[in-house]
Amino acid sequence: MFRFAVTTALLGLLSSPALAGNPVAPVIAAAPVVAPAAPVSDWTGVYAGMTLGTGSSDTSLGGYGIDVSLDHDTRGLFLGYRHDFGAWVLGAELAYDQADVDGLGEPARYDLSVQAGYDAGRVLPYVALGVAKLELTPGDETGHFVGLGADVKLTERLVLGAEARRTWFADDYLGIPGGDMQADTLLMRLAFRF
């Protein structure tokens, strides 16, 4: 009986964790690795910048059978606001351009446009519709235009873009019955977002 009690006590001591062979180290789970979230590009806000452009215009002087084609270069300033709705971006822009037109000097042009674009992250392709006022020596002419462009964020503040624009001035252009003018311009744009 004594032998049984001693054997049982020894077995109990040997089976305890403190006296068992090699103690097992506790398992510590590694901390989960969380990838940083991709930055969200937002186009909402006020922006301002400058443009440089080049193009050509075709003028038809109504029933006189006179058609004139001229080349032009432009430089200008613009101010606008865009609101990012997620996938779509809407905005409005006011612009001033000074043109250098062969044979006509440097007429001024004022534009007011609305824009609708697709938010593709750092790239914003868009269409623009607007009205234009052209100041010429014989008088002012009012027309309308459509543009197709894209802006690319170089940083969250600095944006580089390009826009192809077609403008129509009609309804007795230059006071000539049946006169009209159509201009095509390619604009390079550099903007700062506030």
Protein backbone atom coordinates (compact mmCIF):
# COMPACT_ATOMS: atom_id res chain seq x y z
CA MET A 1 0.00 0.00 0.00
CA PHE A 2 2.86 2.28 0.83
CA ARG A 3 4.47 1.42 -2.48
CA PHE A 4 1.25 2.24 -4.33
CA ALA A 5 0.97 5.64 -2.66
CA VAL A 6 4.59 6.52 -3.41
CA THR A 7 4.24 5.44 -7.06
CA THR A 8 1.06 7.47 -7.50
CA ALA A 9 2.67 10.56 -5.94
CA LEU A 10 5.75 10.24 -8.17
CA LEU A 11 3.63 9.84 -11.29
CA GLY A 12 1.60 12.89 -10.33
CA LEU A 13 4.75 14.96 -9.84
CA LEU A 14 6.31 13.82 -13.11
CA SER A 15 3.19 14.59 -15.10
CA SER A 16 2.98 18.19 -13.87
CA PRO A 17 4.05 20.83 -16.42
CA ALA A 18 6.81 22.17 -14.21
CA LEU A 19 8.61 18.84 -14.16
CA ALA A 20 7.68 17.49 -17.58
CA GLY A 21 10.42 17.22 -20.24
CA ASN A 22 10.71 20.30 -22.38
CA PRO A 23 8.23 23.00 -21.53
CA VAL A 24 6.17 24.24 -24.53
CA ALA A 25 6.51 27.93 -25.25
CA PRO A 26 3.20 29.73 -25.57
CA VAL A 27 2.11 30.44 -29.14
CA ILE A 28 1.83 34.14 -29.90
CA ALA A 29 -0.13 35.03 -33.02
CA ALA A 30 1.54 37.54 -35.34
CA ALA A 31 -0.15 40.90 -35.63
CA PRO A 32 -2.17 41.15 -38.84
CA VAL A 33 -0.55 43.20 -41.58
CA VAL A 34 -2.92 45.92 -42.82
CA ALA A 35 -2.14 47.42 -46.22
CA PRO A 36 -2.48 51.19 -46.29
CA ALA A 37 -5.65 52.34 -47.98
CA ALA A 38 -5.22 53.77 -51.46
CA PRO A 39 -5.54 57.55 -51.40
CA VAL A 40 -8.92 58.76 -52.59
CA SER A 41 -8.70 61.38 -55.30
CA ASP A 42 -11.34 64.08 -54.94
CA TRP A 43 -11.95 66.76 -57.58
CA THR A 44 -14.16 68.98 -55.40
CA GLY A 45 -12.98 72.56 -55.00
CA VAL A 46 -11.97 75.86 -56.54
CA TYR A 47 -9.18 75.97 -59.12
CA ALA A 48 -7.46 78.61 -61.24
CA GLY A 49 -4.87 78.53 -63.96
CA MET A 50 -3.63 79.55 -67.37
CA THR A 51 -3.91 78.29 -70.93
CA LEU A 52 -1.86 78.32 -74.11
CA GLY A 53 -3.55 77.38 -77.34
CA THR A 54 -3.32 77.22 -81.08
CA GLY A 55 -5.87 76.74 -83.82
CA SER A 56 -7.56 78.04 -86.93
CA SER A 57 -10.83 79.69 -87.93
CA ASP A 58 -12.97 79.66 -91.07
CA THR A 59 -15.13 82.69 -91.81
CA SER A 60 -17.85 82.76 -94.44
CA LEU A 61 -19.15 86.18 -95.42
CA GLY A 62 -22.63 85.14 -96.45
CA GLY A 63 -23.81 85.84 -99.95
CA TYR A 64 -20.59 87.57 -100.95
CA GLY A 65 -18.93 84.22 -101.68
CA ILE A 66 -15.91 85.13 -99.53
CA ASP A 67 -14.36 82.49 -97.29
CA VAL A 68 -11.39 83.36 -95.10
CA SER A 69 -9.20 80.95 -93.13
CA LEU A 70 -6.96 82.33 -90.39
CA ASP A 71 -4.58 80.83 -87.84
CA HIS A 72 -4.55 81.96 -84.24
CA ASP A 73 -2.63 81.48 -81.00
CA THR A 74 -4.17 82.13 -77.59
CA ARG A 75 -3.10 82.68 -74.01
CA GLY A 76 -5.44 83.12 -71.12
CA LEU A 77 -6.57 82.67 -67.54
CA PHE A 78 -9.44 80.69 -66.02
CA LEU A 79 -11.22 80.24 -62.69
CA GLY A 80 -13.61 77.42 -61.89
CA TYR A 81 -15.29 75.17 -59.37
CA ARG A 82 -15.94 71.43 -59.53
CA HIS A 83 -17.96 69.12 -57.30
CA ASP A 84 -17.11 65.40 -57.13
CA PHE A 85 -20.23 63.23 -56.72
CA GLY A 86 -18.27 59.95 -56.67
CA ALA A 87 -18.18 58.61 -60.21
CA TRP A 88 -19.20 61.92 -61.81
CA VAL A 89 -17.86 65.46 -61.53
CA LEU A 90 -19.79 68.62 -62.44
CA GLY A 91 -18.35 72.11 -62.64
CA ALA A 92 -18.47 75.63 -64.02
CA GLU A 93 -15.66 77.80 -65.37
CA LEU A 94 -15.06 81.42 -66.35
CA ALA A 95 -12.18 82.14 -68.75
CA TYR A 96 -10.46 85.07 -70.44
CA ASP A 97 -8.29 84.60 -73.55
CA GLN A 98 -6.22 86.99 -75.61
CA ALA A 99 -5.85 85.77 -79.19
CA ASP A 100 -3.21 86.59 -81.75
CA VAL A 101 -5.04 86.26 -85.08
CA ASP A 102 -3.32 86.70 -88.43
CA GLY A 103 -4.36 90.07 -89.82
CA LEU A 104 -6.85 90.91 -87.05
CA GLY A 105 -4.62 91.87 -84.12
CA GLU A 106 -5.35 90.55 -80.63
CA PRO A 107 -9.07 90.26 -79.92
CA ALA A 108 -10.19 89.35 -76.39
CA ARG A 109 -12.54 86.46 -75.66
CA TYR A 110 -14.63 85.69 -72.56
CA ASP A 111 -16.05 82.20 -71.94
CA LEU A 112 -18.56 80.81 -69.45
CA SER A 113 -18.92 77.03 -69.49
CA VAL A 114 -20.31 74.05 -67.62
CA GLN A 115 -18.43 70.75 -67.45
CA ALA A 116 -19.38 67.14 -66.83
CA GLY A 117 -16.64 64.57 -66.29
CA TYR A 118 -15.89 61.04 -65.10
CA ASP A 119 -13.79 60.60 -61.96
CA ALA A 120 -11.12 58.09 -62.95
CA GLY A 121 -8.94 58.78 -59.91
CA ARG A 122 -6.09 61.08 -60.87
CA VAL A 123 -7.51 61.55 -64.39
CA LEU A 124 -10.68 63.49 -65.24
CA PRO A 125 -11.97 63.22 -68.83
CA TYR A 126 -14.76 65.76 -69.42
CA VAL A 127 -17.00 67.55 -71.90
CA ALA A 128 -17.67 71.28 -71.73
CA LEU A 129 -20.49 73.40 -73.14
CA GLY A 130 -20.46 77.17 -73.03
CA VAL A 131 -21.03 80.62 -74.43
CA ALA A 132 -18.28 82.88 -75.75
CA LYS A 133 -18.04 86.62 -76.27
CA LEU A 134 -15.48 87.86 -78.78
CA GLU A 135 -14.45 91.53 -78.74
CA LEU A 136 -13.65 92.72 -82.26
CA THR A 137 -13.03 96.21 -83.64
CA PRO A 138 -16.34 96.37 -85.56
CA GLY A 139 -18.23 95.13 -82.47
CA ASP A 140 -18.70 92.22 -80.09
CA GLU A 141 -19.79 88.79 -81.28
CA THR A 142 -21.47 86.12 -79.15
CA GLY A 143 -21.25 82.43 -79.91
CA HIS A 144 -21.26 79.00 -78.31
CA PHE A 145 -18.72 76.20 -78.01
CA VAL A 146 -18.23 72.57 -77.13
CA GLY A 147 -15.02 71.13 -75.70
CA LEU A 148 -13.59 67.70 -75.03
CA GLY A 149 -10.72 67.49 -72.57
CA ALA A 150 -8.89 65.67 -69.82
CA ASP A 151 -7.13 66.84 -66.67
CA VAL A 152 -4.41 64.86 -64.86
CA LYS A 153 -3.38 65.50 -61.26
CA LEU A 154 0.40 65.86 -61.04
CA THR A 155 -0.15 66.36 -57.30
CA GLU A 156 -3.33 66.95 -55.30
CA ARG A 157 -2.85 70.68 -55.95
CA LEU A 158 -1.29 70.87 -59.45
CA VAL A 159 -3.28 69.78 -62.53
CA LEU A 160 -2.15 69.54 -66.17
CA GLY A 161 -4.75 69.25 -68.91
CA ALA A 162 -5.64 69.55 -72.57
CA GLU A 163 -8.89 70.50 -74.28
CA ALA A 164 -9.99 70.49 -77.93
CA ARG A 165 -12.65 73.15 -78.49
CA ARG A 166 -14.93 74.11 -81.39
CA THR A 167 -16.63 77.52 -81.34
CA TRP A 168 -19.39 78.87 -83.59
CA PHE A 169 -20.17 82.55 -84.14
CA ALA A 170 -23.19 82.97 -86.42
CA ASP A 171 -26.25 85.18 -86.92
CA ASP A 172 -24.80 87.89 -89.13
CA TYR A 173 -21.19 87.64 -88.00
CA LEU A 174 -19.40 91.02 -88.28
CA GLY A 175 -22.74 92.58 -89.20
CA ILE A 176 -22.78 90.79 -92.55
CA PRO A 177 -26.08 89.05 -93.38
CA GLY A 178 -25.49 85.31 -93.44
CA GLY A 179 -21.96 85.71 -92.11
CA ASP A 180 -20.58 83.11 -89.71
CA MET A 181 -17.28 81.93 -88.23
CA GLN A 182 -16.14 78.58 -86.86
CA ALA A 183 -12.92 78.21 -84.84
CA ASP A 184 -11.08 75.09 -83.68
CA THR A 185 -8.58 75.47 -80.84
CA LEU A 186 -6.34 73.06 -78.93
CA LEU A 187 -5.65 74.32 -75.40
CA MET A 188 -2.97 73.23 -72.94
CA ARG A 189 -4.03 73.97 -69.36
CA LEU A 190 -2.14 74.28 -66.08
CA ALA A 191 -4.20 74.75 -62.91
CA PHE A 192 -3.71 75.07 -59.16
CA ARG A 193 -6.41 73.60 -56.88
CA PHE A 194 -7.19 75.51 -53.67
